[in-house]
Amino acid sequence: MNFRRVILLDLASLGIGESSDANQFDSVGADTLRHAIEQADIPIQIPHLESLGLANIFWQNPLTQFESNEYPNGFFGRIQLASKSNTKITGIREMFDYQAPTRTASVLDSIPRQHPKLSTTIISYFQSYFASQEAAQLVDIDNDVEAFKLLKDQLKIVDSGLLLVRLQALEQAADDGNANQYIASLNDIDLHIGKLLSSLHHNDLVIITSSYANDFTLKGAQPTREYLPLLTYTPNNVSGHALGIRRTLGDIGKALIDIFSIDEDPKYQIHGFLGEMH
C-alpha cells in the first residue's frame, strides 16, 4: 500500500487489560476501559471505534457492552510494551525512537529531515519529547476540541507526511479518577473520529493507539501495565482483520519508517504491520 499521509491519534491512558508482565508493575487486574465503563453512570457510545474493531480486540474476555464486529472496517490488535520502564513517556519513546545507521533517532524528526517535501506536524499539549523534535512542526493545544479543529485545518493544507495528535481529555479524566468524564471524553473523541474517517483521501492511513494505560480504579502503581489498542484504517481497504498481539509500540514507528522510506540500521529488528494489512 502506498500512503501519502498518516494521521496518528494517541488516546493516552486507554488500556485494554493487564499485560502478560502486569505482575511486575503492580498492575494485576488492570483494565482501564472495562473498569471505566463499569464505574460510569453514563453509557458508552463509540460506534466508529467499534466499526474499526475495538470490541474485537477483547476476544479473550469480551466487553458485554459491545458485540464483536464480524466485518470490521479497520485492522485491529493489541500492543504490549517491550520496555522494562513504565512511565507516561515510555511508550512515546518506544513508539518513535529507532536505530538509524549512526545513532538512535526519532521518526518524527527523520521524516522531514530525510524528505524535505514531507512534514511532521505534532498537535499536542506541551511535551518535552515532542519539543525536542527540531524538524517537526509543534502546535500547542489546550483541549481535544481544539486539537481536532487544528487537525481538520491541517488536513486541508497538508497532503503528505505525518500528522500526530496526542489527546488529553482521557488522560486528565484518568488522573482525576473520574469515570463519567472518562467515558464522556471517549464518546466525544469517537464523534470526531467519525468526522475524520469521512474526510480522508484514498491514500491516507489512520492509526489509533494509546502510548500508556492508567486504570484509575486500581490501587497501585500508575500508570498501569496493560495491553494498548491498535486500530488502523484506510479508505483503500475497508475490510479489516486481526493484527494479533504486537510485542512493541515500535511496530508503529516501523510502519512510519516503511511508509516514508526512512533510513534505518540494517540490524534494527522491528517488523511493523504494513505487510499484514491486505
Protein backbone atom coordinates (compact mmCIF):
# COMPACT_ATOMS: atom_id res chain seq x y z
CA MET A 1 0.00 0.00 0.00
CA ASN A 2 1.29 3.44 -0.92
CA PHE A 3 0.28 6.02 1.66
CA ARG A 4 0.91 9.76 1.34
CA ARG A 5 -0.46 10.87 4.70
CA VAL A 6 -0.58 9.18 8.08
CA ILE A 7 -2.85 10.50 10.82
CA LEU A 8 -1.82 9.09 14.19
CA LEU A 9 -4.10 9.56 17.21
CA ASP A 10 -2.72 8.89 20.69
CA LEU A 11 -5.60 8.25 23.11
CA ALA A 12 -3.25 8.48 26.06
CA SER A 13 -4.25 6.41 29.14
CA LEU A 14 -6.53 3.98 27.25
CA GLY A 15 -5.61 0.49 28.43
CA ILE A 16 -7.43 -2.69 27.44
CA GLY A 17 -6.48 -5.22 30.10
CA GLU A 18 -3.48 -6.38 32.10
CA SER A 19 -0.48 -7.33 30.01
CA SER A 20 1.45 -10.56 30.44
CA ASP A 21 4.02 -8.79 32.64
CA ALA A 22 1.46 -6.89 34.76
CA ASN A 23 2.63 -8.63 37.94
CA GLN A 24 5.99 -6.86 37.61
CA PHE A 25 4.31 -3.45 37.71
CA ASP A 26 1.64 -3.82 40.45
CA SER A 27 -0.97 -3.99 37.69
CA VAL A 28 -2.63 -7.39 38.09
CA GLY A 29 -6.34 -6.92 37.33
CA ALA A 30 -5.85 -3.62 35.49
CA ASP A 31 -8.36 -2.99 32.68
CA THR A 32 -8.85 0.73 32.15
CA LEU A 33 -11.65 0.78 29.59
CA ARG A 34 -13.68 -2.03 31.16
CA HIS A 35 -13.47 -0.59 34.65
CA ALA A 36 -14.28 2.94 33.49
CA ILE A 37 -17.40 1.61 31.76
CA GLU A 38 -18.44 -0.29 34.88
CA GLN A 39 -17.98 2.70 37.18
CA ALA A 40 -19.55 5.35 34.95
CA ASP A 41 -23.18 6.41 35.28
CA ILE A 42 -23.42 7.31 31.60
CA PRO A 43 -23.50 4.90 28.63
CA ILE A 44 -20.55 4.46 26.35
CA GLN A 45 -21.35 5.25 22.71
CA ILE A 46 -18.41 4.76 20.37
CA PRO A 47 -19.81 3.38 17.09
CA HIS A 48 -16.87 4.49 14.96
CA LEU A 49 -14.26 2.84 17.17
CA GLU A 50 -16.49 -0.24 17.22
CA SER A 51 -16.65 -0.23 13.42
CA LEU A 52 -12.85 -0.26 13.29
CA GLY A 53 -12.72 -3.34 15.52
CA LEU A 54 -12.22 -2.05 19.07
CA ALA A 55 -14.54 -4.65 20.57
CA ASN A 56 -12.80 -7.39 18.57
CA ILE A 57 -9.58 -6.69 20.48
CA PHE A 58 -11.24 -8.14 23.59
CA TRP A 59 -11.50 -11.59 22.01
CA GLN A 60 -10.38 -13.40 25.15
CA ASN A 61 -12.62 -11.52 27.60
CA PRO A 62 -15.38 -9.73 25.63
CA LEU A 63 -16.89 -6.45 26.77
CA THR A 64 -20.58 -7.10 27.38
CA GLN A 65 -21.45 -3.58 26.22
CA PHE A 66 -20.32 -4.36 22.67
CA GLU A 67 -20.55 -7.12 20.14
CA SER A 68 -17.54 -8.07 18.08
CA ASN A 69 -17.80 -6.76 14.54
CA GLU A 70 -17.86 -9.64 12.09
CA TYR A 71 -16.87 -7.31 9.25
CA PRO A 72 -14.71 -4.56 10.77
CA ASN A 73 -13.70 -1.62 8.62
CA GLY A 74 -10.29 -1.47 10.24
CA PHE A 75 -7.38 -3.66 11.21
CA PHE A 76 -7.14 -4.29 14.94
CA GLY A 77 -4.75 -5.67 17.50
CA ARG A 78 -3.23 -5.16 20.90
CA ILE A 79 0.24 -3.97 21.82
CA GLN A 80 2.43 -4.91 24.77
CA LEU A 81 5.20 -2.54 25.74
CA ALA A 82 8.66 -4.02 25.31
CA SER A 83 10.41 -1.56 27.63
CA LYS A 84 11.09 -2.52 31.21
CA SER A 85 10.18 1.01 32.21
CA ASN A 86 6.55 2.08 32.66
CA THR A 87 6.04 5.84 32.72
CA LYS A 88 3.83 8.20 30.74
CA ILE A 89 6.73 8.92 28.38
CA THR A 90 7.99 5.34 27.99
CA GLY A 91 5.52 4.46 25.26
CA ILE A 92 6.15 7.63 23.26
CA ARG A 93 9.87 6.92 23.13
CA GLU A 94 9.28 3.27 22.28
CA MET A 95 6.90 4.26 19.51
CA PHE A 96 9.10 6.78 17.75
CA ASP A 97 12.77 6.16 18.62
CA TYR A 98 14.58 3.79 16.27
CA GLN A 99 18.11 2.79 15.37
CA ALA A 100 19.31 4.93 12.49
CA PRO A 101 22.55 3.96 10.66
CA THR A 102 24.74 6.03 13.03
CA ARG A 103 22.64 6.73 16.15
CA THR A 104 19.29 6.44 17.84
CA ALA A 105 16.88 8.87 16.20
CA SER A 106 13.20 9.79 16.22
CA VAL A 107 10.95 9.01 13.28
CA LEU A 108 9.16 12.31 13.94
CA ASP A 109 12.34 14.25 13.22
CA SER A 110 13.65 11.97 10.49
CA ILE A 111 10.65 12.27 8.16
CA PRO A 112 11.17 15.98 7.30
CA ARG A 113 14.97 15.79 7.62
CA GLN A 114 15.32 12.99 5.09
CA HIS A 115 12.48 14.14 2.84
CA PRO A 116 12.16 17.94 2.87
CA LYS A 117 8.91 17.80 0.86
CA LEU A 118 7.30 15.84 3.69
CA SER A 119 6.29 17.22 7.06
CA THR A 120 5.68 16.05 10.59
CA THR A 121 3.02 18.06 12.40
CA ILE A 122 2.54 17.38 16.12
CA ILE A 123 -0.69 18.63 17.69
CA SER A 124 -0.31 18.25 21.44
CA TYR A 125 -0.17 19.93 24.80
CA PHE A 126 3.42 20.61 25.79
CA GLN A 127 5.57 17.51 25.94
CA SER A 128 9.35 17.86 26.16
CA TYR A 129 9.96 14.87 23.89
CA PHE A 130 7.90 16.47 21.13
CA ALA A 131 9.52 19.86 21.69
CA SER A 132 12.93 18.30 21.05
CA GLN A 133 11.95 17.29 17.50
CA GLU A 134 13.52 20.30 15.81
CA ALA A 135 12.50 19.45 12.24
CA ALA A 136 8.86 18.84 13.16
CA GLN A 137 6.16 21.46 13.50
CA LEU A 138 4.72 21.50 17.02
CA VAL A 139 1.29 23.06 17.58
CA ASP A 140 0.30 23.51 21.24
CA ILE A 141 -3.33 22.90 22.15
CA ASP A 142 -5.37 23.32 25.33
CA ASN A 143 -8.10 20.73 24.79
CA ASP A 144 -9.31 17.99 22.46
CA VAL A 145 -11.86 20.16 20.67
CA GLU A 146 -9.05 22.50 19.67
CA ALA A 147 -6.88 19.54 18.70
CA PHE A 148 -9.45 18.14 16.27
CA LYS A 149 -10.15 21.60 14.84
CA LEU A 150 -6.45 22.09 14.15
CA LEU A 151 -6.26 18.61 12.65
CA LYS A 152 -9.14 19.45 10.33
CA ASP A 153 -7.37 22.64 9.25
CA GLN A 154 -4.07 20.81 8.70
CA LEU A 155 -5.74 18.15 6.57
CA LYS A 156 -6.82 20.90 4.17
CA ILE A 157 -3.28 22.13 3.59
CA VAL A 158 -1.01 19.12 4.23
CA ASP A 159 -1.22 16.46 1.52
CA SER A 160 1.75 14.29 2.57
CA GLY A 161 3.62 13.40 5.73
CA LEU A 162 2.66 12.65 9.32
CA LEU A 163 0.02 14.32 11.46
CA LEU A 164 0.30 13.26 15.09
CA VAL A 165 -2.41 14.20 17.59
CA ARG A 166 -1.90 13.45 21.27
CA LEU A 167 -5.23 13.90 23.03
CA GLN A 168 -5.51 14.91 26.67
CA ALA A 169 -9.13 14.61 27.88
CA LEU A 170 -8.89 10.89 28.64
CA GLU A 171 -5.56 11.39 30.35
CA GLN A 172 -6.94 14.16 32.54
CA ALA A 173 -10.06 12.18 33.46
CA ALA A 174 -7.90 9.22 34.43
CA ASP A 175 -5.60 11.42 36.51
CA ASP A 176 -8.71 12.81 38.27
CA GLY A 177 -10.20 9.34 38.76
CA ASN A 178 -13.43 10.48 37.09
CA ALA A 179 -15.14 7.59 35.29
CA ASN A 180 -18.05 9.69 33.99
CA GLN A 181 -15.68 12.21 32.45
CA TYR A 182 -13.57 9.41 31.02
CA ILE A 183 -16.49 7.85 29.18
CA ALA A 184 -17.90 11.22 28.12
CA SER A 185 -14.49 12.16 26.70
CA LEU A 186 -14.21 8.88 24.81
CA ASN A 187 -17.71 9.39 23.39
CA ASP A 188 -16.68 12.85 22.17
CA ILE A 189 -13.46 11.51 20.67
CA ASP A 190 -15.47 8.90 18.78
CA LEU A 191 -17.65 11.61 17.22
CA HIS A 192 -14.54 13.42 16.00
CA ILE A 193 -13.08 10.17 14.68
CA GLY A 194 -16.26 9.63 12.67
CA LYS A 195 -15.83 13.03 11.02
CA LEU A 196 -12.16 12.31 10.39
CA LEU A 197 -12.84 8.98 8.69
CA SER A 198 -15.39 10.58 6.35
CA SER A 199 -12.91 13.24 5.21
CA LEU A 200 -9.93 11.08 4.24
CA HIS A 201 -8.17 10.76 0.91
CA HIS A 202 -7.95 7.30 -0.62
CA ASN A 203 -4.22 7.05 0.16
CA ASP A 204 -4.47 8.13 3.82
CA LEU A 205 -3.75 5.85 6.76
CA VAL A 206 -5.21 6.42 10.22
CA ILE A 207 -3.52 4.78 13.21
CA ILE A 208 -5.23 4.91 16.60
CA THR A 209 -3.39 3.78 19.72
CA SER A 210 -2.51 4.75 23.26
CA SER A 211 1.01 5.45 24.49
CA TYR A 212 0.26 4.21 28.02
CA ALA A 213 -2.54 2.88 30.24
CA ASN A 214 -3.93 4.23 33.51
CA ASP A 215 -6.57 2.20 35.32
CA PHE A 216 -7.56 4.75 37.93
CA THR A 217 -9.80 2.21 39.70
CA LEU A 218 -6.80 0.07 40.63
CA LYS A 219 -4.89 0.71 43.81
CA GLY A 220 -1.23 0.51 42.96
CA ALA A 221 1.32 1.91 40.58
CA GLN A 222 0.30 4.48 37.97
CA PRO A 223 0.43 4.19 35.00
CA THR A 224 -0.78 0.61 34.87
CA ARG A 225 0.86 -2.06 32.74
CA GLU A 226 -1.75 -3.09 30.18
CA TYR A 227 -2.13 -4.02 26.57
CA LEU A 228 -2.67 -0.98 24.39
CA PRO A 229 -5.06 -0.77 21.43
CA LEU A 230 -4.01 -0.72 17.80
CA LEU A 231 -6.59 0.28 15.20
CA THR A 232 -5.73 1.19 11.62
CA TYR A 233 -7.93 2.33 8.77
CA THR A 234 -7.51 3.30 5.14
CA PRO A 235 -10.27 4.07 2.62
CA ASN A 236 -8.32 1.85 0.19
CA ASN A 237 -9.28 -1.25 2.17
CA VAL A 238 -12.38 -1.23 4.36
CA SER A 239 -12.33 -4.97 5.02
CA GLY A 240 -10.10 -5.41 8.03
CA HIS A 241 -8.93 -8.26 10.21
CA ALA A 242 -6.89 -9.01 13.31
CA LEU A 243 -3.24 -7.94 13.55
CA GLY A 244 -2.72 -10.07 16.65
CA ILE A 245 -0.58 -9.15 19.63
CA ARG A 246 2.26 -6.77 18.83
CA ARG A 247 5.30 -7.00 21.07
CA THR A 248 6.31 -3.34 20.98
CA LEU A 249 4.90 0.10 20.25
CA GLY A 250 7.91 0.32 17.95
CA ASP A 251 5.79 -1.52 15.37
CA ILE A 252 4.05 1.81 14.78
CA GLY A 253 7.33 3.64 14.28
CA LYS A 254 8.45 0.86 11.94
CA ALA A 255 5.28 1.36 9.88
CA LEU A 256 6.20 5.04 9.54
CA ILE A 257 9.76 4.11 8.56
CA ASP A 258 8.43 1.84 5.84
CA ILE A 259 5.81 4.28 4.56
CA PHE A 260 8.16 7.24 4.34
CA SER A 261 11.32 5.32 3.35
CA ILE A 262 13.41 6.35 6.36
CA ASP A 263 16.99 5.09 6.55
CA GLU A 264 17.47 2.60 9.36
CA ASP A 265 20.25 0.42 10.70
CA PRO A 266 20.11 -2.99 8.97
CA LYS A 267 20.28 -4.56 12.42
CA TYR A 268 17.09 -2.77 13.56
CA GLN A 269 14.87 -5.80 14.11
CA ILE A 270 11.36 -4.35 14.30
CA HIS A 271 8.93 -5.70 11.73
CA GLY A 272 5.83 -3.47 11.79
CA PHE A 273 2.44 -4.49 10.48
CA LEU A 274 2.04 -3.00 7.00
CA GLY A 275 2.64 -6.36 5.36
CA GLU A 276 -0.33 -7.77 7.29
CA MET A 277 -2.79 -5.15 6.06
CA HIS A 278 -4.12 -6.85 2.96
